[in-house]
């Protein structure tokens, strides 16, 4: 759908900068009333030089700056800003097509800068979103920092929906399984609209990507789709191809996966500089932990106990060859434990929490990417480290969501900062962990039966008052924590159960 936002300004022959407040995938209609014939420069972009109050003309990477010059006037004139068709920098990319309602190409931008001319300008930003109801979800707490992070995450879900699929960002405009898994959870914490999620799963059947762990995310993604929507209609067709995402071609005799290093490769985290010095081997802990969760998800979806039996076999083998001195290690030949290995050992229930694991996790801080941060935070809240999880969530360090906001982003960045990934874009939903971590971990609301027929609400033990509205197919679940007392109101057909 297209939503139009307008800004009007007086032109005095100099440079005028207009701020639409939030970045959005959009195009721009310009209506001018000029006193005389003038060549104008009109520019759009995402990043400003705060000291000069001007658009950055070389923001770097895939941060946006575009400009056009046009001879205009005198009198009234209307035109649309010229945006070249999107082109991915990668030849292998299957970029998503532009929705018809956009009419002409869109690009993410927040600011418009006009130089030259005397008169007035009316600017209409035609913003492209998928179907999204802002009122379906709501969060407010006694912590303004947390409130801002929720708004940031929720808006990222809305704004990156522009193409009707969960895409990775402006650079490629391509769905990836690793992005899609967390994007879908953030989306369903904000919206009941299921078409975009179902279409993304269908897309990823046809166009799987290269990382081992991300192919393994597909059973988890389908399981969560069913839990949040209750929609069983596409399940039969999905179950026909989901077993292939268990990667039988990479499965060894002992049940573990070994990436082939060619078509399918282990990734652990991205960019590689965010792997906490993970030591890659032929067989790696993190992808096999993801394998465990994929098998558990297949058991949930099919009711077939053989998948759970295989999951237990993988866990046992990991404990046998990749646990040394009480800590999981990156690969069987390694003595190193990256933060990721410690986190995934808990996330996949390979090991129980120990003092050694907790000490390691707390000592490493946010030694992972914005993608890895989801797993880290989920584990912190699940295993009694809510204080650490909240501190990481609210941090103002360079590796933080507050840093993104401080730099001027209104959608999540692809990486913590431009310095970590020079080619990054500023519209990557995989970086929006607050969108799902606040509802699922801080407020503790999660479906445990399809369509929220059963759900848990086990809030983190924090000195925090909050209200949250979780959208469900049967109506909203309203939860409120005030002075340590929890109140939960659920619609008919949604039953709260113990965690």
Protein backbone atom coordinates (compact mmCIF):
# COMPACT_ATOMS: atom_id res chain seq x y z
CA UNK A 1 0.00 0.00 0.00
CA UNK A 2 1.06 3.61 -0.59
CA UNK A 3 0.93 6.19 2.17
CA UNK A 4 1.58 9.82 1.26
CA UNK A 5 3.35 12.27 3.55
CA UNK A 6 3.75 15.89 2.50
CA UNK A 7 6.16 18.68 3.39
CA UNK A 8 5.91 22.27 2.26
CA UNK A 9 8.75 24.78 2.24
CA UNK A 10 9.69 28.24 1.07
CA UNK A 11 12.62 28.44 -1.35
CA UNK A 12 14.94 31.42 -0.96
CA UNK A 13 17.64 30.59 -3.47
CA UNK A 14 19.83 28.81 -0.94
CA UNK A 15 19.71 25.20 0.33
CA UNK A 16 16.74 23.84 2.26
CA UNK A 17 16.78 20.48 4.10
CA UNK A 18 13.49 18.77 4.94
CA UNK A 19 13.24 15.85 7.38
CA UNK A 20 10.38 13.36 7.02
CA UNK A 21 11.25 11.99 10.46
CA UNK A 22 11.47 8.31 9.50
CA UNK A 23 13.29 6.53 6.71
CA UNK A 24 11.00 4.75 4.25
CA UNK A 25 11.10 2.98 0.89
CA UNK A 26 9.45 5.61 -1.28
CA UNK A 27 9.50 7.82 -4.32
CA UNK A 28 8.96 11.59 -4.36
CA UNK A 29 6.53 13.87 -6.13
CA UNK A 30 7.59 17.50 -6.40
CA UNK A 31 5.29 20.48 -6.97
CA UNK A 32 6.99 23.84 -7.46
CA UNK A 33 5.84 27.42 -7.76
CA UNK A 34 8.86 29.48 -8.84
CA UNK A 35 9.26 33.18 -9.50
CA UNK A 36 11.70 32.69 -12.39
CA UNK A 37 13.39 30.06 -14.51
CA UNK A 38 16.02 28.29 -12.39
CA UNK A 39 18.10 25.13 -12.40
CA UNK A 40 17.39 23.33 -9.15
CA UNK A 41 19.27 20.50 -7.52
CA UNK A 42 17.02 18.12 -5.60
CA UNK A 43 18.62 15.40 -3.48
CA UNK A 44 17.28 12.60 -1.31
CA UNK A 45 19.14 10.57 1.28
CA UNK A 46 19.37 8.77 4.62
CA UNK A 47 22.38 10.35 6.33
CA UNK A 48 23.04 13.95 7.33
CA UNK A 49 26.11 15.82 8.42
CA UNK A 50 24.79 17.06 11.75
CA UNK A 51 27.24 19.96 12.00
CA UNK A 52 26.32 21.37 8.60
CA UNK A 53 22.69 20.24 8.61
CA UNK A 54 23.18 18.94 5.10
CA UNK A 55 22.84 15.58 3.40
CA UNK A 56 26.00 13.52 3.25
CA UNK A 57 26.81 13.21 -0.41
CA UNK A 58 29.16 10.28 0.15
CA UNK A 59 27.54 8.36 3.02
CA UNK A 60 29.40 5.19 2.02
CA UNK A 61 28.32 1.62 1.37
CA UNK A 62 24.65 1.31 0.54
CA UNK A 63 23.53 4.28 2.58
CA UNK A 64 21.46 6.35 0.21
CA UNK A 65 22.23 9.62 -1.55
CA UNK A 66 20.71 10.49 -4.91
CA UNK A 67 20.43 13.84 -6.67
CA UNK A 68 19.00 15.27 -9.86
CA UNK A 69 19.19 18.67 -11.52
CA UNK A 70 16.22 20.12 -13.35
CA UNK A 71 15.52 23.39 -15.11
CA UNK A 72 12.20 24.65 -13.74
CA UNK A 73 9.86 27.63 -13.78
CA UNK A 74 8.66 30.20 -13.91
CA UNK A 75 5.26 29.31 -12.50
CA UNK A 76 3.88 25.95 -11.41
CA UNK A 77 5.51 22.63 -12.33
CA UNK A 78 5.11 19.05 -11.08
CA UNK A 79 7.31 16.01 -11.60
CA UNK A 80 8.53 12.84 -9.90
CA UNK A 81 12.09 12.46 -8.67
CA UNK A 82 14.01 10.20 -11.05
CA UNK A 83 15.21 7.00 -9.35
CA UNK A 84 17.17 4.52 -11.44
CA UNK A 85 15.93 0.90 -11.34
CA UNK A 86 17.38 -1.13 -8.49
CA UNK A 87 20.35 -3.30 -9.36
CA UNK A 88 21.95 -5.72 -6.92
CA UNK A 89 25.76 -5.66 -6.89
CA UNK A 90 25.80 -9.47 -7.05
CA UNK A 91 25.22 -11.34 -10.29
CA UNK A 92 23.68 -14.31 -8.43
CA UNK A 93 21.02 -12.19 -6.73
CA UNK A 94 17.32 -12.94 -7.29
CA UNK A 95 16.11 -9.50 -6.30
CA UNK A 96 12.44 -9.18 -5.43
CA UNK A 97 10.34 -7.29 -7.98
CA UNK A 98 8.85 -3.89 -7.25
CA UNK A 99 5.12 -4.04 -6.35
CA UNK A 100 2.87 -2.56 -9.03
CA UNK A 101 1.35 0.03 -6.69
CA UNK A 102 4.71 1.79 -6.41
CA UNK A 103 4.28 2.86 -10.09
CA UNK A 104 7.95 3.91 -10.32
CA UNK A 105 11.12 2.79 -8.55
CA UNK A 106 11.45 3.35 -4.79
CA UNK A 107 14.49 3.85 -2.59
CA UNK A 108 14.84 4.31 1.18
CA UNK A 109 15.23 7.94 2.20
CA UNK A 110 14.38 10.26 5.06
CA UNK A 111 15.60 13.67 3.90
CA UNK A 112 15.05 15.90 0.89
CA UNK A 113 17.42 18.75 0.07
CA UNK A 114 16.63 21.49 -2.47
CA UNK A 115 19.20 23.98 -3.68
CA UNK A 116 18.29 27.07 -5.71
CA UNK A 117 15.07 28.74 -6.79
CA UNK A 118 12.77 31.28 -5.22
CA UNK A 119 9.18 30.43 -4.46
CA UNK A 120 7.66 27.36 -2.79
CA UNK A 121 7.86 23.58 -2.96
CA UNK A 122 5.33 20.94 -1.95
CA UNK A 123 6.95 17.53 -1.56
CA UNK A 124 4.92 14.33 -1.39
CA UNK A 125 6.79 11.24 -0.27
CA UNK A 126 4.90 8.20 -1.58
CA UNK A 127 5.85 5.54 0.99
CA UNK A 128 5.53 1.85 0.19
CA UNK A 129 4.48 -0.59 2.93
CA UNK A 130 2.92 -4.02 3.07
CA UNK A 131 -0.41 -4.41 4.88
CA UNK A 132 0.35 -3.31 8.47
CA UNK A 133 -1.94 -2.07 11.24
CA UNK A 134 -0.05 0.16 13.69
CA UNK A 135 -2.71 -0.39 16.36
CA UNK A 136 -2.44 -4.18 16.50
CA UNK A 137 0.56 -4.15 18.84
CA UNK A 138 1.54 -1.82 21.66
CA UNK A 139 4.35 -1.62 24.20
CA UNK A 140 4.99 0.97 26.87
CA UNK A 141 7.16 0.69 29.97
CA UNK A 142 8.61 2.71 32.79
CA UNK A 143 11.91 2.77 30.86
CA UNK A 144 12.01 5.34 28.05
CA UNK A 145 15.11 3.75 26.58
CA UNK A 146 13.25 0.45 26.18
CA UNK A 147 10.22 2.24 24.74
CA UNK A 148 12.40 3.81 22.06
CA UNK A 149 13.96 0.46 21.19
CA UNK A 150 10.53 -1.12 20.78
CA UNK A 151 9.39 1.66 18.45
CA UNK A 152 12.61 1.29 16.47
CA UNK A 153 12.14 -2.48 16.10
CA UNK A 154 8.45 -2.28 15.27
CA UNK A 155 8.95 0.41 12.65
CA UNK A 156 11.72 -1.67 11.07
CA UNK A 157 9.21 -4.50 10.66
CA UNK A 158 6.73 -2.16 9.01
CA UNK A 159 9.13 -0.25 6.76
CA UNK A 160 11.09 -3.24 5.46
CA UNK A 161 7.84 -4.95 4.40
CA UNK A 162 7.67 -2.75 1.30
CA UNK A 163 8.23 -5.55 -1.22
CA UNK A 164 5.77 -8.05 0.24
CA UNK A 165 8.55 -10.43 1.35
CA UNK A 166 11.05 -10.42 4.20
CA UNK A 167 14.06 -9.07 2.29
CA UNK A 168 17.58 -8.63 3.61
CA UNK A 169 17.80 -4.91 2.79
CA UNK A 170 18.23 -2.37 0.01
CA UNK A 171 21.55 -3.68 -1.29
CA UNK A 172 20.22 -7.02 -2.51
CA UNK A 173 16.44 -7.01 -1.88
CA UNK A 174 16.59 -10.79 -1.45
CA UNK A 175 15.09 -13.08 1.22
CA UNK A 176 17.59 -15.07 3.29
CA UNK A 177 16.56 -17.78 5.75
CA UNK A 178 18.66 -16.41 8.61
CA UNK A 179 17.18 -12.95 8.14
CA UNK A 180 13.70 -14.36 7.61
CA UNK A 181 13.65 -16.44 10.79
CA UNK A 182 14.09 -13.43 13.07
CA UNK A 183 12.24 -11.05 10.77
CA UNK A 184 9.18 -13.30 10.94
CA UNK A 185 9.25 -13.43 14.75
CA UNK A 186 9.50 -9.64 14.96
CA UNK A 187 6.70 -9.31 12.40
CA UNK A 188 4.31 -11.62 14.28
CA UNK A 189 5.00 -9.76 17.53
CA UNK A 190 3.67 -6.68 15.72
CA UNK A 191 1.12 -7.95 13.20
CA UNK A 192 -1.35 -10.74 12.45
CA UNK A 193 -0.95 -10.35 8.68
CA UNK A 194 0.39 -13.72 7.57
CA UNK A 195 0.62 -13.45 3.79
CA UNK A 196 4.09 -11.86 3.76
CA UNK A 197 5.47 -14.68 5.93
CA UNK A 198 3.87 -17.44 3.86
CA UNK A 199 5.09 -15.88 0.62
CA UNK A 200 8.62 -15.61 2.03
CA UNK A 201 8.63 -19.31 2.94
CA UNK A 202 7.42 -20.16 -0.57
CA UNK A 203 10.19 -17.99 -2.05
CA UNK A 204 12.87 -19.66 0.06
CA UNK A 205 11.74 -23.09 -1.10
CA UNK A 206 12.63 -22.04 -4.64
CA UNK A 207 15.70 -19.96 -3.84
CA UNK A 208 17.62 -21.41 -0.89
CA UNK A 209 20.77 -19.55 0.09
CA UNK A 210 24.26 -20.85 0.81
CA UNK A 211 24.82 -20.93 4.62
CA UNK A 212 24.40 -24.29 6.33
CA UNK A 213 22.74 -22.79 9.40
CA UNK A 214 20.31 -20.71 7.38
CA UNK A 215 18.94 -23.64 5.41
CA UNK A 216 18.40 -25.31 8.79
CA UNK A 217 16.27 -22.34 9.88
CA UNK A 218 13.43 -23.31 7.55
CA UNK A 219 11.81 -25.94 9.83
CA UNK A 220 11.96 -23.38 12.67
CA UNK A 221 10.42 -20.72 10.47
CA UNK A 222 7.54 -23.01 9.43
CA UNK A 223 6.98 -24.12 13.05
CA UNK A 224 6.77 -20.51 14.23
CA UNK A 225 4.48 -19.60 11.34
CA UNK A 226 2.05 -22.29 12.54
CA UNK A 227 2.32 -21.24 16.20
CA UNK A 228 1.64 -17.56 15.51
CA UNK A 229 -1.01 -17.91 12.80
CA UNK A 230 -2.70 -21.28 13.33
CA UNK A 231 -2.79 -21.48 9.52
CA UNK A 232 -2.36 -25.15 8.56
CA UNK A 233 -3.34 -24.69 4.90
CA UNK A 234 0.21 -24.45 3.48
CA UNK A 235 1.70 -27.03 5.86
CA UNK A 236 1.20 -30.06 3.63
CA UNK A 237 3.06 -28.54 0.68
CA UNK A 238 5.84 -27.22 2.94
CA UNK A 239 6.36 -30.62 4.56
CA UNK A 240 7.05 -32.11 1.14
CA UNK A 241 10.31 -30.17 0.81
CA UNK A 242 11.29 -29.36 4.41
CA UNK A 243 13.19 -32.67 4.93
CA UNK A 244 15.67 -31.51 2.28
CA UNK A 245 16.55 -28.60 4.58
CA UNK A 246 17.91 -31.12 7.08
CA UNK A 247 20.77 -31.47 4.60
CA UNK A 248 21.02 -35.29 4.30
CA UNK A 249 23.83 -34.84 1.78
CA UNK A 250 26.00 -33.33 4.54
CA UNK A 251 25.14 -35.81 7.30
CA UNK A 252 27.98 -38.03 8.53
CA UNK A 253 27.68 -41.59 9.85
CA UNK A 254 27.77 -40.29 13.44
CA UNK A 255 24.75 -38.03 12.77
CA UNK A 256 26.61 -34.69 12.68
CA UNK A 257 26.66 -32.28 9.75
CA UNK A 258 29.83 -31.36 7.91
CA UNK A 259 29.50 -28.44 5.47
CA UNK A 260 30.86 -29.19 2.00
CA UNK A 261 32.55 -25.77 1.79
CA UNK A 262 31.36 -25.39 -1.80
CA UNK A 263 27.66 -24.88 -2.47
CA UNK A 264 26.73 -25.02 1.23
CA UNK A 265 29.08 -23.43 3.75
CA UNK A 266 29.02 -22.92 7.51
CA UNK A 267 28.61 -19.28 8.46
CA UNK A 268 28.31 -19.01 12.30
CA UNK A 269 27.83 -15.21 12.07
CA UNK A 270 28.22 -12.36 9.60
CA UNK A 271 30.34 -10.41 8.89
CA UNK A 272 33.21 -12.79 9.77
CA UNK A 273 34.79 -10.14 12.00
CA UNK A 274 31.84 -10.63 14.39
CA UNK A 275 32.55 -14.32 15.12
CA UNK A 276 34.47 -13.80 18.40
CA UNK A 277 37.52 -15.56 16.88
CA UNK A 278 35.51 -18.71 16.18
CA UNK A 279 37.83 -21.48 14.94
CA UNK A 280 36.22 -23.06 11.90
CA UNK A 281 36.74 -26.78 11.28
CA UNK A 282 35.30 -29.42 8.99
CA UNK A 283 32.65 -30.09 11.64
CA UNK A 284 31.45 -27.08 13.64
CA UNK A 285 29.45 -26.71 16.83
CA UNK A 286 27.13 -23.87 15.80
CA UNK A 287 25.64 -25.42 12.62
CA UNK A 288 25.13 -28.71 14.46
CA UNK A 289 23.29 -26.88 17.25
CA UNK A 290 21.06 -25.41 14.54
CA UNK A 291 20.64 -28.96 13.20
CA UNK A 292 19.34 -30.04 16.62
CA UNK A 293 16.73 -27.26 16.59
CA UNK A 294 15.72 -28.08 13.01
CA UNK A 295 15.14 -31.72 13.99
CA UNK A 296 13.13 -30.69 17.06
CA UNK A 297 11.02 -28.40 14.87
CA UNK A 298 10.34 -31.24 12.41
CA UNK A 299 9.20 -33.38 15.33
CA UNK A 300 6.83 -30.61 16.42
CA UNK A 301 5.45 -30.22 12.90
CA UNK A 302 5.02 -33.90 12.07
CA UNK A 303 4.60 -35.64 15.42
CA UNK A 304 7.22 -38.14 14.25
CA UNK A 305 9.45 -39.13 17.17
CA UNK A 306 12.30 -40.20 14.89
CA UNK A 307 13.28 -36.53 14.52
CA UNK A 308 13.54 -36.10 18.29
CA UNK A 309 15.57 -39.29 18.53
CA UNK A 310 17.99 -37.92 15.94
CA UNK A 311 18.19 -34.61 17.79
CA UNK A 312 19.19 -36.41 20.99
CA UNK A 313 21.80 -38.39 19.05
CA UNK A 314 23.32 -35.15 17.71
CA UNK A 315 23.33 -33.61 21.20
CA UNK A 316 25.07 -36.68 22.63
CA UNK A 317 27.71 -36.67 19.90
CA UNK A 318 28.39 -32.96 20.41
CA UNK A 319 28.88 -33.56 24.12
CA UNK A 320 31.18 -36.48 23.32
CA UNK A 321 33.57 -34.77 20.90
CA UNK A 322 33.04 -31.01 21.35
CA UNK A 323 32.98 -30.47 25.12
CA UNK A 324 36.35 -30.02 26.80
CA UNK A 325 37.01 -29.08 30.41
CA UNK A 326 33.34 -28.40 30.93
CA UNK A 327 32.96 -25.99 28.00
CA UNK A 328 31.76 -26.55 24.44
CA UNK A 329 34.42 -25.89 21.80
CA UNK A 330 34.14 -24.53 18.28
CA UNK A 331 35.14 -27.79 16.53
CA UNK A 332 36.56 -31.17 17.63
CA UNK A 333 40.20 -30.09 17.06
CA UNK A 334 39.76 -26.75 18.83
CA UNK A 335 40.25 -25.76 22.46
CA UNK A 336 38.55 -22.39 21.89
CA UNK A 337 35.04 -21.44 22.97
CA UNK A 338 33.62 -18.51 21.05
CA UNK A 339 30.66 -16.65 22.53
CA UNK A 340 28.56 -18.19 19.75
CA UNK A 341 29.50 -21.74 20.76
CA UNK A 342 28.56 -21.05 24.38
CA UNK A 343 25.27 -19.43 23.39
CA UNK A 344 24.25 -22.11 20.88
CA UNK A 345 25.07 -24.87 23.39
CA UNK A 346 22.32 -23.42 25.60
CA UNK A 347 19.98 -22.40 22.79
CA UNK A 348 19.87 -25.99 21.48
CA UNK A 349 19.84 -27.54 24.99
CA UNK A 350 23.08 -29.40 24.31
CA UNK A 351 24.34 -28.50 27.79
CA UNK A 352 22.79 -27.13 30.97
CA UNK A 353 23.84 -23.74 32.25
CA UNK A 354 27.00 -23.94 34.33
CA UNK A 355 28.94 -21.29 36.19
CA UNK A 356 31.69 -21.57 33.58
CA UNK A 357 29.23 -20.98 30.71
CA UNK A 358 27.55 -18.06 32.46
CA UNK A 359 30.89 -16.46 33.30
CA UNK A 360 32.03 -16.76 29.69
CA UNK A 361 28.81 -15.31 28.28
CA UNK A 362 28.80 -12.38 30.70
CA UNK A 363 32.47 -11.63 30.09
CA UNK A 364 32.20 -11.44 26.30
CA UNK A 365 29.48 -8.79 26.13
CA UNK A 366 28.07 -8.27 22.64
CA UNK A 367 30.87 -10.08 20.80
CA UNK A 368 28.59 -10.96 17.90
CA UNK A 369 26.69 -9.33 15.06
CA UNK A 370 23.17 -7.94 15.10
CA UNK A 371 22.07 -11.40 13.88
CA UNK A 372 23.94 -13.27 16.60
CA UNK A 373 22.51 -10.86 19.17
CA UNK A 374 19.06 -12.47 18.87
CA UNK A 375 20.39 -15.83 20.04
CA UNK A 376 22.50 -14.24 22.78
CA UNK A 377 19.59 -12.24 24.20
CA UNK A 378 17.14 -15.14 23.99
CA UNK A 379 19.57 -17.35 25.92
CA UNK A 380 20.21 -14.65 28.54
CA UNK A 381 16.50 -14.30 29.28
CA UNK A 382 15.83 -18.04 29.15
CA UNK A 383 18.66 -19.02 31.48
CA UNK A 384 18.32 -16.58 34.36
CA UNK A 385 20.60 -13.86 33.02
CA UNK A 386 17.84 -11.31 32.41
CA UNK A 387 19.90 -8.58 34.05
CA UNK A 388 22.68 -9.15 31.52
CA UNK A 389 20.21 -9.43 28.64
CA UNK A 390 18.53 -6.15 29.57
CA UNK A 391 21.88 -4.40 29.96
CA UNK A 392 22.92 -5.54 26.47
CA UNK A 393 19.55 -4.54 25.02
CA UNK A 394 19.77 -1.03 26.51
CA UNK A 395 23.51 -0.53 26.00
CA UNK A 396 24.82 2.66 24.42
CA UNK A 397 28.12 1.13 23.32
CA UNK A 398 29.19 0.98 19.69
CA UNK A 399 27.60 -2.48 19.43
CA UNK A 400 24.08 -1.41 20.37
CA UNK A 401 20.73 -0.37 18.98
CA UNK A 402 21.08 2.95 20.74
CA UNK A 403 24.20 3.55 18.66
CA UNK A 404 22.11 3.01 15.52
CA UNK A 405 19.63 5.60 16.76
CA UNK A 406 22.41 7.98 17.73
CA UNK A 407 23.83 7.77 14.19
CA UNK A 408 20.43 8.73 12.77
CA UNK A 409 19.00 5.40 11.64
CA UNK A 410 15.24 4.85 12.00
CA UNK A 411 15.34 1.29 10.64
CA UNK A 412 17.80 -1.27 11.95
CA UNK A 413 21.24 -1.27 10.40
CA UNK A 414 22.75 -4.36 8.79
CA UNK A 415 25.64 -4.15 11.28
CA UNK A 416 26.21 -2.36 14.58
CA UNK A 417 27.95 0.52 12.88
CA UNK A 418 29.33 1.52 9.48
CA UNK A 419 32.80 0.82 10.86
CA UNK A 420 31.99 -2.90 11.21
CA UNK A 421 30.61 -3.34 7.68
CA UNK A 422 31.53 -0.52 5.29
CA UNK A 423 29.13 -1.74 2.57
CA UNK A 424 26.14 -2.04 4.89
CA UNK A 425 22.66 -0.59 4.37
CA UNK A 426 20.46 1.08 7.01
CA UNK A 427 17.29 -0.98 6.43
CA UNK A 428 18.01 -4.55 7.51
CA UNK A 429 15.30 -6.23 9.58
CA UNK A 430 17.69 -8.92 10.81
CA UNK A 431 19.19 -6.21 13.01
CA UNK A 432 15.92 -5.43 14.80
CA UNK A 433 16.11 -7.82 17.77
CA UNK A 434 14.08 -5.51 20.08
CA UNK A 435 11.02 -6.24 17.91
CA UNK A 436 10.87 -9.85 19.12
CA UNK A 437 13.05 -9.89 22.26
CA UNK A 438 10.92 -7.34 24.13
CA UNK A 439 7.60 -9.20 23.56
CA UNK A 440 8.96 -12.76 23.82
CA UNK A 441 11.60 -12.35 26.54
CA UNK A 442 10.99 -9.16 28.54
CA UNK A 443 7.19 -9.63 28.53
CA UNK A 444 7.50 -13.40 28.05
CA UNK A 445 4.53 -13.89 25.69
CA UNK A 446 4.98 -16.83 23.32
CA UNK A 447 2.54 -19.21 21.61
CA UNK A 448 3.02 -22.90 22.42
CA UNK A 449 0.10 -24.27 20.38
CA UNK A 450 -1.02 -23.21 16.88
CA UNK A 451 -2.70 -19.82 16.66
CA UNK A 452 -2.12 -19.08 20.38
CA UNK A 453 -4.61 -21.76 21.42
CA UNK A 454 -2.12 -22.09 24.27
CA UNK A 455 0.44 -19.48 25.21
CA UNK A 456 2.85 -18.70 28.00
CA UNK A 457 3.43 -15.38 29.69
CA UNK A 458 6.53 -15.67 31.87
CA UNK A 459 7.99 -12.16 32.14
CA UNK A 460 11.63 -11.61 32.99
CA UNK A 461 12.15 -10.79 36.68
CA UNK A 462 13.01 -7.13 36.21
CA UNK A 463 12.19 -4.00 38.21
CA UNK A 464 10.08 -2.68 35.38
CA UNK A 465 6.46 -1.72 34.82
CA UNK A 466 5.12 -2.36 31.34
CA UNK A 467 2.07 -2.95 29.15
CA UNK A 468 2.07 -5.06 26.00
CA UNK A 469 -0.53 -5.95 23.40
CA UNK A 470 0.28 -9.11 21.45
CA UNK A 471 -1.79 -9.52 18.28
CA UNK A 472 -3.22 -13.00 17.67
CA UNK A 473 -5.65 -14.40 15.07
CA UNK A 474 -8.32 -14.52 17.80
CA UNK A 475 -7.80 -11.00 19.10
CA UNK A 476 -5.16 -9.29 21.22
CA UNK A 477 -3.57 -10.67 24.37
CA UNK A 478 -3.20 -7.77 26.81
CA UNK A 479 -0.56 -8.12 29.53
CA UNK A 480 0.47 -5.60 32.15
CA UNK A 481 3.13 -5.66 34.84
CA UNK A 482 2.70 -3.07 37.59
CA UNK A 483 4.76 -3.07 40.79
CA UNK A 484 5.58 -6.71 40.36
CA UNK A 485 1.97 -7.82 39.80
CA UNK A 486 1.15 -9.37 36.41
CA UNK A 487 -2.30 -9.17 34.83
CA UNK A 488 -3.06 -11.03 31.58
CA UNK A 489 -6.25 -10.78 29.54
CA UNK A 490 -6.68 -13.18 26.63
CA UNK A 491 -9.45 -13.52 24.03
CA UNK A 492 -11.68 -16.58 23.80
CA UNK A 493 -9.77 -19.50 22.36
CA UNK A 494 -6.41 -18.44 23.81
CA UNK A 495 -5.48 -20.19 27.06
CA UNK A 496 -2.53 -19.29 29.20
CA UNK A 497 -0.47 -22.24 30.42
CA UNK A 498 2.60 -22.59 32.60
CA UNK A 499 5.96 -22.16 30.90
